[in-house]
Amino acid sequence: MPRYQNSRILTNASNYYRFLRKKRNNVKAIQQYATPIIRHPSVAQRAATTTSTHLWRYGDRFYKLAHNFYGDSRFWWIIAWWNGVPTEADINFGDVIEIPTNIEEALRVLGY
């Protein structure tokens, strides 16, 4: 499932972006994806969601974990968002993270 599958497409004709449209052969408007709004799961939602714990160790990457758990490395951002860490640089070796085991349930909880 692509990340932008459920995103709205907006037409932007704002004067703020006039300089960009001028660079693009004076197009009148550009189409872009709306920014998705993803929620942080509540304590109750976290407690009700089945997760696996993972001890962060040398060589771990979100995309590798997503591939191992979901069969698709593109879902790395779900693990990062669930744990409140935007990049691997924000995790130390020995930290324990939670990985939602059911991808559909995790997406629903995140409001995606």
PDB file of N, CA and C in Angstrom:
ATOM      1  N   MET A   1       0.848  -1.173   0.000  1.00  0.00           N
ATOM      2  CA  MET A   1       0.000   0.000   0.000  1.00  0.00           C
ATOM      3  C   MET A   1       0.896   1.240   0.000  1.00  0.00           C
ATOM      4  N   PRO A   2       0.850   2.040  -1.058  1.00  0.00           N
ATOM      5  CA  PRO A   2       1.661   3.256  -1.101  1.00  0.00           C
ATOM      6  C   PRO A   2       1.253   4.247  -0.022  1.00  0.00           C
ATOM      7  N   ARG A   3       2.218   5.043   0.399  1.00  0.00           N
ATOM      8  CA  ARG A   3       1.987   5.996   1.481  1.00  0.00           C
ATOM      9  C   ARG A   3       0.937   7.033   1.101  1.00  0.00           C
ATOM     10  N   TYR A   4       0.855   7.417  -0.157  1.00  0.00           N
ATOM     11  CA  TYR A   4      -0.041   8.497  -0.567  1.00  0.00           C
ATOM     12  C   TYR A   4      -1.343   7.992  -1.187  1.00  0.00           C
ATOM     13  N   GLN A   5      -1.625   6.715  -1.051  1.00  0.00           N
ATOM     14  CA  GLN A   5      -2.805   6.126  -1.677  1.00  0.00           C
ATOM     15  C   GLN A   5      -4.093   6.828  -1.269  1.00  0.00           C
ATOM     16  N   ASN A   6      -4.230   7.208  -0.010  1.00  0.00           N
ATOM     17  CA  ASN A   6      -5.463   7.817   0.476  1.00  0.00           C
ATOM     18  C   ASN A   6      -5.381   9.331   0.577  1.00  0.00           C
ATOM     19  N   SER A   7      -4.324   9.925   0.040  1.00  0.00           N
ATOM     20  CA  SER A   7      -4.140  11.369   0.149  1.00  0.00           C
ATOM     21  C   SER A   7      -4.944  12.121  -0.901  1.00  0.00           C
ATOM     22  N   ARG A   8      -5.434  13.277  -0.482  1.00  0.00           N
ATOM     23  CA  ARG A   8      -6.125  14.150  -1.424  1.00  0.00           C
ATOM     24  C   ARG A   8      -5.098  14.841  -2.297  1.00  0.00           C
ATOM     25  N   ILE A   9      -5.485  15.148  -3.535  1.00  0.00           N
ATOM     26  CA  ILE A   9      -4.625  15.917  -4.431  1.00  0.00           C
ATOM     27  C   ILE A   9      -5.194  17.323  -4.496  1.00  0.00           C
ATOM     28  N   LEU A  10      -4.347  18.295  -4.198  1.00  0.00           N
ATOM     29  CA  LEU A  10      -4.763  19.689  -4.174  1.00  0.00           C
ATOM     30  C   LEU A  10      -4.224  20.417  -5.393  1.00  0.00           C
ATOM     31  N   THR A  11      -4.960  21.422  -5.855  1.00  0.00           N
ATOM     32  CA  THR A  11      -4.482  22.305  -6.909  1.00  0.00           C
ATOM     33  C   THR A  11      -4.061  23.605  -6.248  1.00  0.00           C
ATOM     34  N   ASN A  12      -2.809  23.959  -6.433  1.00  0.00           N
ATOM     35  CA  ASN A  12      -2.243  25.118  -5.762  1.00  0.00           C
ATOM     36  C   ASN A  12      -1.950  26.214  -6.777  1.00  0.00           C
ATOM     37  N   ALA A  13      -2.675  27.315  -6.680  1.00  0.00           N
ATOM     38  CA  ALA A  13      -2.461  28.473  -7.547  1.00  0.00           C
ATOM     39  C   ALA A  13      -2.092  29.697  -6.713  1.00  0.00           C
ATOM     40  N   SER A  14      -1.566  29.479  -5.537  1.00  0.00           N
ATOM     41  CA  SER A  14      -1.226  30.559  -4.611  1.00  0.00           C
ATOM     42  C   SER A  14      -0.142  31.468  -5.186  1.00  0.00           C
ATOM     43  N   ASN A  15      -0.276  32.757  -4.917  1.00  0.00           N
ATOM     44  CA  ASN A  15       0.745  33.710  -5.346  1.00  0.00           C
ATOM     45  C   ASN A  15       2.083  33.441  -4.682  1.00  0.00           C
ATOM     46  N   TYR A  16       2.057  32.807  -3.525  1.00  0.00           N
ATOM     47  CA  TYR A  16       3.282  32.495  -2.804  1.00  0.00           C
ATOM     48  C   TYR A  16       4.228  31.633  -3.652  1.00  0.00           C
ATOM     49  N   TYR A  17       3.646  30.752  -4.491  1.00  0.00           N
ATOM     50  CA  TYR A  17       4.438  29.844  -5.316  1.00  0.00           C
ATOM     51  C   TYR A  17       4.569  30.317  -6.769  1.00  0.00           C
ATOM     52  N   ARG A  18       4.274  31.572  -7.009  1.00  0.00           N
ATOM     53  CA  ARG A  18       4.340  32.097  -8.375  1.00  0.00           C
ATOM     54  C   ARG A  18       5.722  31.881  -8.991  1.00  0.00           C
ATOM     55  N   PHE A  19       6.778  32.110  -8.214  1.00  0.00           N
ATOM     56  CA  PHE A  19       8.139  31.958  -8.733  1.00  0.00           C
ATOM     57  C   PHE A  19       8.413  30.526  -9.185  1.00  0.00           C
ATOM     58  N   LEU A  20       7.844  29.537  -8.483  1.00  0.00           N
ATOM     59  CA  LEU A  20       8.015  28.140  -8.897  1.00  0.00           C
ATOM     60  C   LEU A  20       7.263  27.849 -10.188  1.00  0.00           C
ATOM     61  N   ARG A  21       6.046  28.362 -10.262  1.00  0.00           N
ATOM     62  CA  ARG A  21       5.263  28.138 -11.484  1.00  0.00           C
ATOM     63  C   ARG A  21       5.932  28.796 -12.675  1.00  0.00           C
ATOM     64  N   LYS A  22       6.564  29.930 -12.451  1.00  0.00           N
ATOM     65  CA  LYS A  22       7.267  30.625 -13.529  1.00  0.00           C
ATOM     66  C   LYS A  22       8.435  29.776 -14.029  1.00  0.00           C
ATOM     67  N   LYS A  23       9.145  29.132 -13.104  1.00  0.00           N
ATOM     68  CA  LYS A  23      10.250  28.247 -13.477  1.00  0.00           C
ATOM     69  C   LYS A  23       9.762  27.029 -14.264  1.00  0.00           C
ATOM     70  N   ARG A  24       8.526  26.675 -14.048  1.00  0.00           N
ATOM     71  CA  ARG A  24       7.947  25.498 -14.716  1.00  0.00           C
ATOM     72  C   ARG A  24       7.142  25.916 -15.945  1.00  0.00           C
ATOM     73  N   ASN A  25       7.719  26.752 -16.749  1.00  0.00           N
ATOM     74  CA  ASN A  25       7.099  27.194 -18.008  1.00  0.00           C
ATOM     75  C   ASN A  25       5.788  27.929 -17.795  1.00  0.00           C
ATOM     76  N   ASN A  26       5.729  28.732 -16.734  1.00  0.00           N
ATOM     77  CA  ASN A  26       4.559  29.564 -16.445  1.00  0.00           C
ATOM     78  C   ASN A  26       3.261  28.777 -16.309  1.00  0.00           C
ATOM     79  N   VAL A  27       3.309  27.630 -15.659  1.00  0.00           N
ATOM     80  CA  VAL A  27       2.065  26.879 -15.438  1.00  0.00           C
ATOM     81  C   VAL A  27       1.159  27.691 -14.512  1.00  0.00           C
ATOM     82  N   LYS A  28      -0.129  27.556 -14.678  1.00  0.00           N
ATOM     83  CA  LYS A  28      -1.086  28.356 -13.903  1.00  0.00           C
ATOM     84  C   LYS A  28      -1.276  27.822 -12.482  1.00  0.00           C
ATOM     85  N   ALA A  29      -1.123  26.517 -12.316  1.00  0.00           N
ATOM     86  CA  ALA A  29      -1.295  25.895 -11.006  1.00  0.00           C
ATOM     87  C   ALA A  29      -0.511  24.587 -10.987  1.00  0.00           C
ATOM     88  N   ILE A  30      -0.166  24.154  -9.793  1.00  0.00           N
ATOM     89  CA  ILE A  30       0.492  22.862  -9.652  1.00  0.00           C
ATOM     90  C   ILE A  30      -0.364  21.970  -8.770  1.00  0.00           C
ATOM     91  N   GLN A  31      -0.288  20.673  -9.029  1.00  0.00           N
ATOM     92  CA  GLN A  31      -1.012  19.720  -8.197  1.00  0.00           C
ATOM     93  C   GLN A  31      -0.030  19.107  -7.214  1.00  0.00           C
ATOM     94  N   GLN A  32      -0.491  18.926  -5.987  1.00  0.00           N
ATOM     95  CA  GLN A  32       0.349  18.347  -4.959  1.00  0.00           C
ATOM     96  C   GLN A  32      -0.513  17.551  -3.989  1.00  0.00           C
ATOM     97  N   TYR A  33       0.143  16.647  -3.263  1.00  0.00           N
ATOM     98  CA  TYR A  33      -0.576  15.852  -2.274  1.00  0.00           C
ATOM     99  C   TYR A  33      -0.807  16.679  -1.015  1.00  0.00           C
ATOM    100  N   ALA A  34      -1.978  16.521  -0.434  1.00  0.00           N
ATOM    101  CA  ALA A  34      -2.258  17.160   0.851  1.00  0.00           C
ATOM    102  C   ALA A  34      -1.415  16.467   1.920  1.00  0.00           C
ATOM    103  N   THR A  35      -1.004  17.204   2.907  1.00  0.00           N
ATOM    104  CA  THR A  35      -0.215  16.636   3.990  1.00  0.00           C
ATOM    105  C   THR A  35      -1.101  15.725   4.831  1.00  0.00           C
ATOM    106  N   PRO A  36      -0.721  14.449   4.963  1.00  0.00           N
ATOM    107  CA  PRO A  36      -1.544  13.571   5.793  1.00  0.00           C
ATOM    108  C   PRO A  36      -1.398  13.942   7.265  1.00  0.00           C
ATOM    109  N   ILE A  37      -2.473  13.798   7.996  1.00  0.00           N
ATOM    110  CA  ILE A  37      -2.460  14.062   9.428  1.00  0.00           C
ATOM    111  C   ILE A  37      -2.491  12.714  10.135  1.00  0.00           C
ATOM    112  N   ILE A  38      -1.385  12.406  10.779  1.00  0.00           N
ATOM    113  CA  ILE A  38      -1.258  11.126  11.469  1.00  0.00           C
ATOM    114  C   ILE A  38      -1.252  11.396  12.966  1.00  0.00           C
ATOM    115  N   ARG A  39      -2.059  10.635  13.694  1.00  0.00           N
ATOM    116  CA  ARG A  39      -2.162  10.824  15.141  1.00  0.00           C
ATOM    117  C   ARG A  39      -1.119   9.986  15.863  1.00  0.00           C
ATOM    118  N   HIS A  40      -0.782  10.433  17.056  1.00  0.00           N
ATOM    119  CA  HIS A  40       0.004   9.591  17.951  1.00  0.00           C
ATOM    120  C   HIS A  40      -0.984   8.707  18.693  1.00  0.00           C
ATOM    121  N   PRO A  41      -0.708   7.427  18.789  1.00  0.00           N
ATOM    122  CA  PRO A  41      -1.650   6.541  19.479  1.00  0.00           C
ATOM    123  C   PRO A  41      -1.748   6.872  20.963  1.00  0.00           C
ATOM    124  N   SER A  42      -2.963   6.774  21.476  1.00  0.00           N
ATOM    125  CA  SER A  42      -3.174   7.009  22.909  1.00  0.00           C
ATOM    126  C   SER A  42      -2.647   5.814  23.699  1.00  0.00           C
ATOM    127  N   VAL A  43      -2.592   5.969  25.000  1.00  0.00           N
ATOM    128  CA  VAL A  43      -2.139   4.888  25.874  1.00  0.00           C
ATOM    129  C   VAL A  43      -3.071   3.682  25.723  1.00  0.00           C
ATOM    130  N   ALA A  44      -4.378   3.948  25.677  1.00  0.00           N
ATOM    131  CA  ALA A  44      -5.353   2.858  25.533  1.00  0.00           C
ATOM    132  C   ALA A  44      -5.189   2.151  24.185  1.00  0.00           C
ATOM    133  N   GLN A  45      -4.967   2.916  23.126  1.00  0.00           N
ATOM    134  CA  GLN A  45      -4.774   2.305  21.812  1.00  0.00           C
ATOM    135  C   GLN A  45      -3.495   1.474  21.771  1.00  0.00           C
ATOM    136  N   ARG A  46      -2.445   1.988  22.393  1.00  0.00           N
ATOM    137  CA  ARG A  46      -1.191   1.227  22.450  1.00  0.00           C
ATOM    138  C   ARG A  46      -1.382  -0.082  23.216  1.00  0.00           C
ATOM    139  N   ALA A  47      -2.115  -0.011  24.318  1.00  0.00           N
ATOM    140  CA  ALA A  47      -2.338  -1.207  25.132  1.00  0.00           C
ATOM    141  C   ALA A  47      -3.176  -2.242  24.384  1.00  0.00           C
ATOM    142  N   ALA A  48      -4.084  -1.783  23.524  1.00  0.00           N
ATOM    143  CA  ALA A  48      -4.968  -2.696  22.801  1.00  0.00           C
ATOM    144  C   ALA A  48      -4.348  -3.236  21.514  1.00  0.00           C
ATOM    145  N   THR A  49      -3.205  -2.709  21.127  1.00  0.00           N
ATOM    146  CA  THR A  49      -2.558  -3.129  19.885  1.00  0.00           C
ATOM    147  C   THR A  49      -1.463  -4.144  20.191  1.00  0.00           C
ATOM    148  N   THR A  50      -1.477  -5.233  19.452  1.00  0.00           N
ATOM    149  CA  THR A  50      -0.467  -6.272  19.635  1.00  0.00           C
ATOM    150  C   THR A  50       0.858  -5.800  19.052  1.00  0.00           C
ATOM    151  N   THR A  51       1.900  -5.854  19.867  1.00  0.00           N
ATOM    152  CA  THR A  51       3.226  -5.434  19.421  1.00  0.00           C
ATOM    153  C   THR A  51       4.264  -6.472  19.810  1.00  0.00           C
ATOM    154  N   SER A  52       5.397  -6.374  19.154  1.00  0.00           N
ATOM    155  CA  SER A  52       6.569  -7.163  19.533  1.00  0.00           C
ATOM    156  C   SER A  52       7.626  -6.189  20.016  1.00  0.00           C
ATOM    157  N   THR A  53       8.342  -6.576  21.041  1.00  0.00           N
ATOM    158  CA  THR A  53       9.432  -5.725  21.502  1.00  0.00           C
ATOM    159  C   THR A  53      10.698  -6.112  20.750  1.00  0.00           C
ATOM    160  N   HIS A  54      11.525  -5.114  20.521  1.00  0.00           N
ATOM    161  CA  HIS A  54      12.775  -5.347  19.808  1.00  0.00           C
ATOM    162  C   HIS A  54      13.877  -4.571  20.504  1.00  0.00           C
ATOM    163  N   LEU A  55      14.961  -5.240  20.803  1.00  0.00           N
ATOM    164  CA  LEU A  55      16.129  -4.606  21.402  1.00  0.00           C
ATOM    165  C   LEU A  55      16.999  -4.063  20.269  1.00  0.00           C
ATOM    166  N   TRP A  56      17.162  -2.748  20.234  1.00  0.00           N
ATOM    167  CA  TRP A  56      17.913  -2.100  19.155  1.00  0.00           C
ATOM    168  C   TRP A  56      19.391  -2.466  19.279  1.00  0.00           C
ATOM    169  N   ARG A  57      19.958  -2.977  18.181  1.00  0.00           N
ATOM    170  CA  ARG A  57      21.364  -3.367  18.200  1.00  0.00           C
ATOM    171  C   ARG A  57      22.065  -2.902  16.941  1.00  0.00           C
ATOM    172  N   TYR A  58      23.357  -3.056  16.922  1.00  0.00           N
ATOM    173  CA  TYR A  58      24.184  -2.600  15.809  1.00  0.00           C
ATOM    174  C   TYR A  58      23.658  -3.179  14.487  1.00  0.00           C
ATOM    175  N   GLY A  59      23.501  -2.320  13.498  1.00  0.00           N
ATOM    176  CA  GLY A  59      23.044  -2.756  12.177  1.00  0.00           C
ATOM    177  C   GLY A  59      21.545  -2.645  11.970  1.00  0.00           C
ATOM    178  N   ASP A  60      20.779  -2.379  13.019  1.00  0.00           N
ATOM    179  CA  ASP A  60      19.326  -2.249  12.871  1.00  0.00           C
ATOM    180  C   ASP A  60      18.981  -0.989  12.101  1.00  0.00           C
ATOM    181  N   ARG A  61      17.959  -1.107  11.278  1.00  0.00           N
ATOM    182  CA  ARG A  61      17.412   0.018  10.523  1.00  0.00           C
ATOM    183  C   ARG A  61      15.903  -0.180  10.475  1.00  0.00           C
ATOM    184  N   PHE A  62      15.177   0.927  10.468  1.00  0.00           N
ATOM    185  CA  PHE A  62      13.719   0.832  10.413  1.00  0.00           C
ATOM    186  C   PHE A  62      13.259   0.073   9.171  1.00  0.00           C
ATOM    187  N   TYR A  63      13.881   0.344   8.047  1.00  0.00           N
ATOM    188  CA  TYR A  63      13.428  -0.316   6.814  1.00  0.00           C
ATOM    189  C   TYR A  63      13.672  -1.826   6.864  1.00  0.00           C
ATOM    190  N   LYS A  64      14.748  -2.246   7.538  1.00  0.00           N
ATOM    191  CA  LYS A  64      15.009  -3.683   7.666  1.00  0.00           C
ATOM    192  C   LYS A  64      13.964  -4.345   8.566  1.00  0.00           C
ATOM    193  N   LEU A  65      13.635  -3.659   9.673  1.00  0.00           N
ATOM    194  CA  LEU A  65      12.616  -4.199  10.574  1.00  0.00           C
ATOM    195  C   LEU A  65      11.260  -4.268   9.876  1.00  0.00           C
ATOM    196  N   ALA A  66      10.926  -3.234   9.105  1.00  0.00           N
ATOM    197  CA  ALA A  66       9.653  -3.239   8.378  1.00  0.00           C
ATOM    198  C   ALA A  66       9.616  -4.395   7.380  1.00  0.00           C
ATOM    199  N   HIS A  67      10.721  -4.641   6.723  1.00  0.00           N
ATOM    200  CA  HIS A  67      10.772  -5.768   5.779  1.00  0.00           C
ATOM    201  C   HIS A  67      10.581  -7.095   6.521  1.00  0.00           C
ATOM    202  N   ASN A  68      11.233  -7.241   7.662  1.00  0.00           N
ATOM    203  CA  ASN A  68      11.116  -8.486   8.431  1.00  0.00           C
ATOM    204  C   ASN A  68       9.717  -8.696   8.997  1.00  0.00           C
ATOM    205  N   PHE A  69       9.088  -7.643   9.496  1.00  0.00           N
ATOM    206  CA  PHE A  69       7.783  -7.779  10.151  1.00  0.00           C
ATOM    207  C   PHE A  69       6.611  -7.702   9.181  1.00  0.00           C
ATOM    208  N   TYR A  70       6.720  -6.848   8.151  1.00  0.00           N
ATOM    209  CA  TYR A  70       5.586  -6.603   7.258  1.00  0.00           C
ATOM    210  C   TYR A  70       5.807  -7.107   5.840  1.00  0.00           C
ATOM    211  N   GLY A  71       7.040  -7.496   5.530  1.00  0.00           N
ATOM    212  CA  GLY A  71       7.330  -7.935   4.170  1.00  0.00           C
ATOM    213  C   GLY A  71       7.466  -6.787   3.187  1.00  0.00           C
ATOM    214  N   ASP A  72       7.545  -5.569   3.697  1.00  0.00           N
ATOM    215  CA  ASP A  72       7.637  -4.387   2.840  1.00  0.00           C
ATOM    216  C   ASP A  72       8.411  -3.296   3.580  1.00  0.00           C
ATOM    217  N   SER A  73       9.566  -2.956   3.078  1.00  0.00           N
ATOM    218  CA  SER A  73      10.424  -1.974   3.757  1.00  0.00           C
ATOM    219  C   SER A  73       9.863  -0.562   3.712  1.00  0.00           C
ATOM    220  N   ARG A  74       8.881  -0.318   2.838  1.00  0.00           N
ATOM    221  CA  ARG A  74       8.294   1.027   2.737  1.00  0.00           C
ATOM    222  C   ARG A  74       7.508   1.424   3.987  1.00  0.00           C
ATOM    223  N   PHE A  75       7.206   0.478   4.849  1.00  0.00           N
ATOM    224  CA  PHE A  75       6.457   0.785   6.077  1.00  0.00           C
ATOM    225  C   PHE A  75       7.368   1.101   7.258  1.00  0.00           C
ATOM    226  N   TRP A  76       8.607   1.464   6.999  1.00  0.00           N
ATOM    227  CA  TRP A  76       9.555   1.836   8.055  1.00  0.00           C
ATOM    228  C   TRP A  76       9.009   2.963   8.921  1.00  0.00           C
ATOM    229  N   TRP A  77       8.275   3.885   8.296  1.00  0.00           N
ATOM    230  CA  TRP A  77       7.793   5.069   9.002  1.00  0.00           C
ATOM    231  C   TRP A  77       6.775   4.716  10.085  1.00  0.00           C
ATOM    232  N   ILE A  78       6.074   3.591   9.950  1.00  0.00           N
ATOM    233  CA  ILE A  78       5.115   3.173  10.975  1.00  0.00           C
ATOM    234  C   ILE A  78       5.857   2.829  12.266  1.00  0.00           C
ATOM    235  N   ILE A  79       6.956   2.114  12.155  1.00  0.00           N
ATOM    236  CA  ILE A  79       7.740   1.755  13.331  1.00  0.00           C
ATOM    237  C   ILE A  79       8.330   3.010  13.964  1.00  0.00           C
ATOM    238  N   ALA A  80       8.839   3.907  13.133  1.00  0.00           N
ATOM    239  CA  ALA A  80       9.423   5.153  13.647  1.00  0.00           C
ATOM    240  C   ALA A  80       8.363   5.996  14.351  1.00  0.00           C
ATOM    241  N   TRP A  81       7.205   6.159  13.707  1.00  0.00           N
ATOM    242  CA  TRP A  81       6.136   6.980  14.288  1.00  0.00           C
ATOM    243  C   TRP A  81       5.601   6.362  15.577  1.00  0.00           C
ATOM    244  N   TRP A  82       5.419   5.071  15.575  1.00  0.00           N
ATOM    245  CA  TRP A  82       4.878   4.384  16.740  1.00  0.00           C
ATOM    246  C   TRP A  82       5.757   4.605  17.968  1.00  0.00           C
ATOM    247  N   ASN A  83       7.061   4.658  17.740  1.00  0.00           N
ATOM    248  CA  ASN A  83       8.013   4.815  18.831  1.00  0.00           C
ATOM    249  C   ASN A  83       8.419   6.257  19.078  1.00  0.00           C
ATOM    250  N   GLY A  84       7.915   7.176  18.273  1.00  0.00           N
ATOM    251  CA  GLY A  84       8.197   8.586  18.481  1.00  0.00           C
ATOM    252  C   GLY A  84       9.633   8.979  18.191  1.00  0.00           C
ATOM    253  N   VAL A  85      10.277   8.256  17.287  1.00  0.00           N
ATOM    254  CA  VAL A  85      11.655   8.577  16.912  1.00  0.00           C
ATOM    255  C   VAL A  85      11.714   8.756  15.396  1.00  0.00           C
ATOM    256  N   PRO A  86      12.088   9.941  14.934  1.00  0.00           N
ATOM    257  CA  PRO A  86      12.051  10.200  13.496  1.00  0.00           C
ATOM    258  C   PRO A  86      13.136   9.491  12.689  1.00  0.00           C
ATOM    259  N   THR A  87      14.285   9.211  13.292  1.00  0.00           N
ATOM    260  CA  THR A  87      15.366   8.546  12.560  1.00  0.00           C
ATOM    261  C   THR A  87      16.075   7.560  13.466  1.00  0.00           C
ATOM    262  N   GLU A  88      16.879   6.710  12.852  1.00  0.00           N
ATOM    263  CA  GLU A  88      17.665   5.751  13.614  1.00  0.00           C
ATOM    264  C   GLU A  88      18.685   6.453  14.516  1.00  0.00           C
ATOM    265  N   ALA A  89      19.079   7.663  14.152  1.00  0.00           N
ATOM    266  CA  ALA A  89      20.051   8.407  14.953  1.00  0.00           C
ATOM    267  C   ALA A  89      19.495   8.773  16.336  1.00  0.00           C
ATOM    268  N   ASP A  90      18.178   8.708  16.486  1.00  0.00           N
ATOM    269  CA  ASP A  90      17.539   9.044  17.759  1.00  0.00           C
ATOM    270  C   ASP A  90      17.397   7.848  18.694  1.00  0.00           C
ATOM    271  N   ILE A  91      17.917   6.691  18.278  1.00  0.00           N
ATOM    272  CA  ILE A  91      17.837   5.478  19.090  1.00  0.00           C
ATOM    273  C   ILE A  91      19.259   5.065  19.466  1.00  0.00           C
ATOM    274  N   ASN A  92      19.431   4.609  20.682  1.00  0.00           N
ATOM    275  CA  ASN A  92      20.731   4.126  21.143  1.00  0.00           C
ATOM    276  C   ASN A  92      20.730   2.606  21.191  1.00  0.00           C
ATOM    277  N   PHE A  93      21.897   2.022  21.020  1.00  0.00           N
ATOM    278  CA  PHE A  93      22.009   0.573  21.146  1.00  0.00           C
ATOM    279  C   PHE A  93      21.526   0.167  22.536  1.00  0.00           C
ATOM    280  N   GLY A  94      20.708  -0.858  22.595  1.00  0.00           N
ATOM    281  CA  GLY A  94      20.162  -1.327  23.862  1.00  0.00           C
ATOM    282  C   GLY A  94      18.774  -0.780  24.165  1.00  0.00           C
ATOM    283  N   ASP A  95      18.310   0.222  23.391  1.00  0.00           N
ATOM    284  CA  ASP A  95      16.951   0.731  23.586  1.00  0.00           C
ATOM    285  C   ASP A  95      15.944  -0.319  23.133  1.00  0.00           C
ATOM    286  N   VAL A  96      14.830  -0.373  23.816  1.00  0.00           N
ATOM    287  CA  VAL A  96      13.755  -1.299  23.451  1.00  0.00           C
ATOM    288  C   VAL A  96      12.677  -0.509  22.720  1.00  0.00           C
ATOM    289  N   ILE A  97      12.297  -0.980  21.535  1.00  0.00           N
ATOM    290  CA  ILE A  97      11.221  -0.349  20.780  1.00  0.00           C
ATOM    291  C   ILE A  97      10.083  -1.348  20.622  1.00  0.00           C
ATOM    292  N   GLU A  98       8.902  -0.819  20.354  1.00  0.00           N
ATOM    293  CA  GLU A  98       7.713  -1.642  20.118  1.00  0.00           C
ATOM    294  C   GLU A  98       7.398  -1.624  18.626  1.00  0.00           C
ATOM    295  N   ILE A  99       7.095  -2.785  18.090  1.00  0.00           N
ATOM    296  CA  ILE A  99       6.744  -2.883  16.674  1.00  0.00           C
ATOM    297  C   ILE A  99       5.344  -3.478  16.581  1.00  0.00           C
ATOM    298  N   PRO A 100       4.378  -2.701  16.059  1.00  0.00           N
ATOM    299  CA  PRO A 100       3.028  -3.258  15.881  1.00  0.00           C
ATOM    300  C   PRO A 100       3.095  -4.450  14.930  1.00  0.00           C
ATOM    301  N   THR A 101       2.503  -5.566  15.327  1.00  0.00           N
ATOM    302  CA  THR A 101       2.618  -6.771  14.502  1.00  0.00           C
ATOM    303  C   THR A 101       1.592  -6.823  13.373  1.00  0.00           C
ATOM    304  N   ASN A 102       0.467  -6.150  13.531  1.00  0.00           N
ATOM    305  CA  ASN A 102      -0.567  -6.151  12.499  1.00  0.00           C
ATOM    306  C   ASN A 102      -0.556  -4.788  11.800  1.00  0.00           C
ATOM    307  N   ILE A 103      -0.131  -4.762  10.560  1.00  0.00           N
ATOM    308  CA  ILE A 103       0.035  -3.498   9.839  1.00  0.00           C
ATOM    309  C   ILE A 103      -1.295  -2.769   9.647  1.00  0.00           C
ATOM    310  N   GLU A 104      -2.361  -3.479   9.359  1.00  0.00           N
ATOM    311  CA  GLU A 104      -3.661  -2.836   9.158  1.00  0.00           C
ATOM    312  C   GLU A 104      -4.152  -2.181  10.444  1.00  0.00           C
ATOM    313  N   GLU A 105      -3.969  -2.878  11.557  1.00  0.00           N
ATOM    314  CA  GLU A 105      -4.376  -2.328  12.848  1.00  0.00           C
ATOM    315  C   GLU A 105      -3.543  -1.085  13.190  1.00  0.00           C
ATOM    316  N   ALA A 106      -2.253  -1.145  12.935  1.00  0.00           N
ATOM    317  CA  ALA A 106      -1.382   0.006  13.217  1.00  0.00           C
ATOM    318  C   ALA A 106      -1.791   1.209  12.378  1.00  0.00           C
ATOM    319  N   LEU A 107      -2.085   1.006  11.097  1.00  0.00           N
ATOM    320  CA  LEU A 107      -2.512   2.105  10.240  1.00  0.00           C
ATOM    321  C   LEU A 107      -3.820   2.716  10.734  1.00  0.00           C
ATOM    322  N   ARG A 108      -4.749   1.853  11.178  1.00  0.00           N
ATOM    323  CA  ARG A 108      -6.033   2.353  11.689  1.00  0.00           C
ATOM    324  C   ARG A 108      -5.824   3.192  12.934  1.00  0.00           C
ATOM    325  N   VAL A 109      -4.991   2.717  13.853  1.00  0.00           N
ATOM    326  CA  VAL A 109      -4.726   3.446  15.100  1.00  0.00           C
ATOM    327  C   VAL A 109      -4.066   4.779  14.816  1.00  0.00           C
ATOM    328  N   LEU A 110      -3.176   4.814  13.830  1.00  0.00           N
ATOM    329  CA  LEU A 110      -2.488   6.044  13.474  1.00  0.00           C
ATOM    330  C   LEU A 110      -3.398   7.006  12.705  1.00  0.00           C
ATOM    331  N   GLY A 111      -4.584   6.538  12.318  1.00  0.00           N
ATOM    332  CA  GLY A 111      -5.533   7.388  11.608  1.00  0.00           C
ATOM    333  C   GLY A 111      -5.238   7.504  10.136  1.00  0.00           C
ATOM    334  N   TYR A 112      -4.542   6.518   9.620  1.00  0.00           N
ATOM    335  CA  TYR A 112      -4.135   6.581   8.212  1.00  0.00           C
ATOM    336  C   TYR A 112      -5.035   5.751   7.350  1.00  0.00           C
TER     337      TYR A 112
END
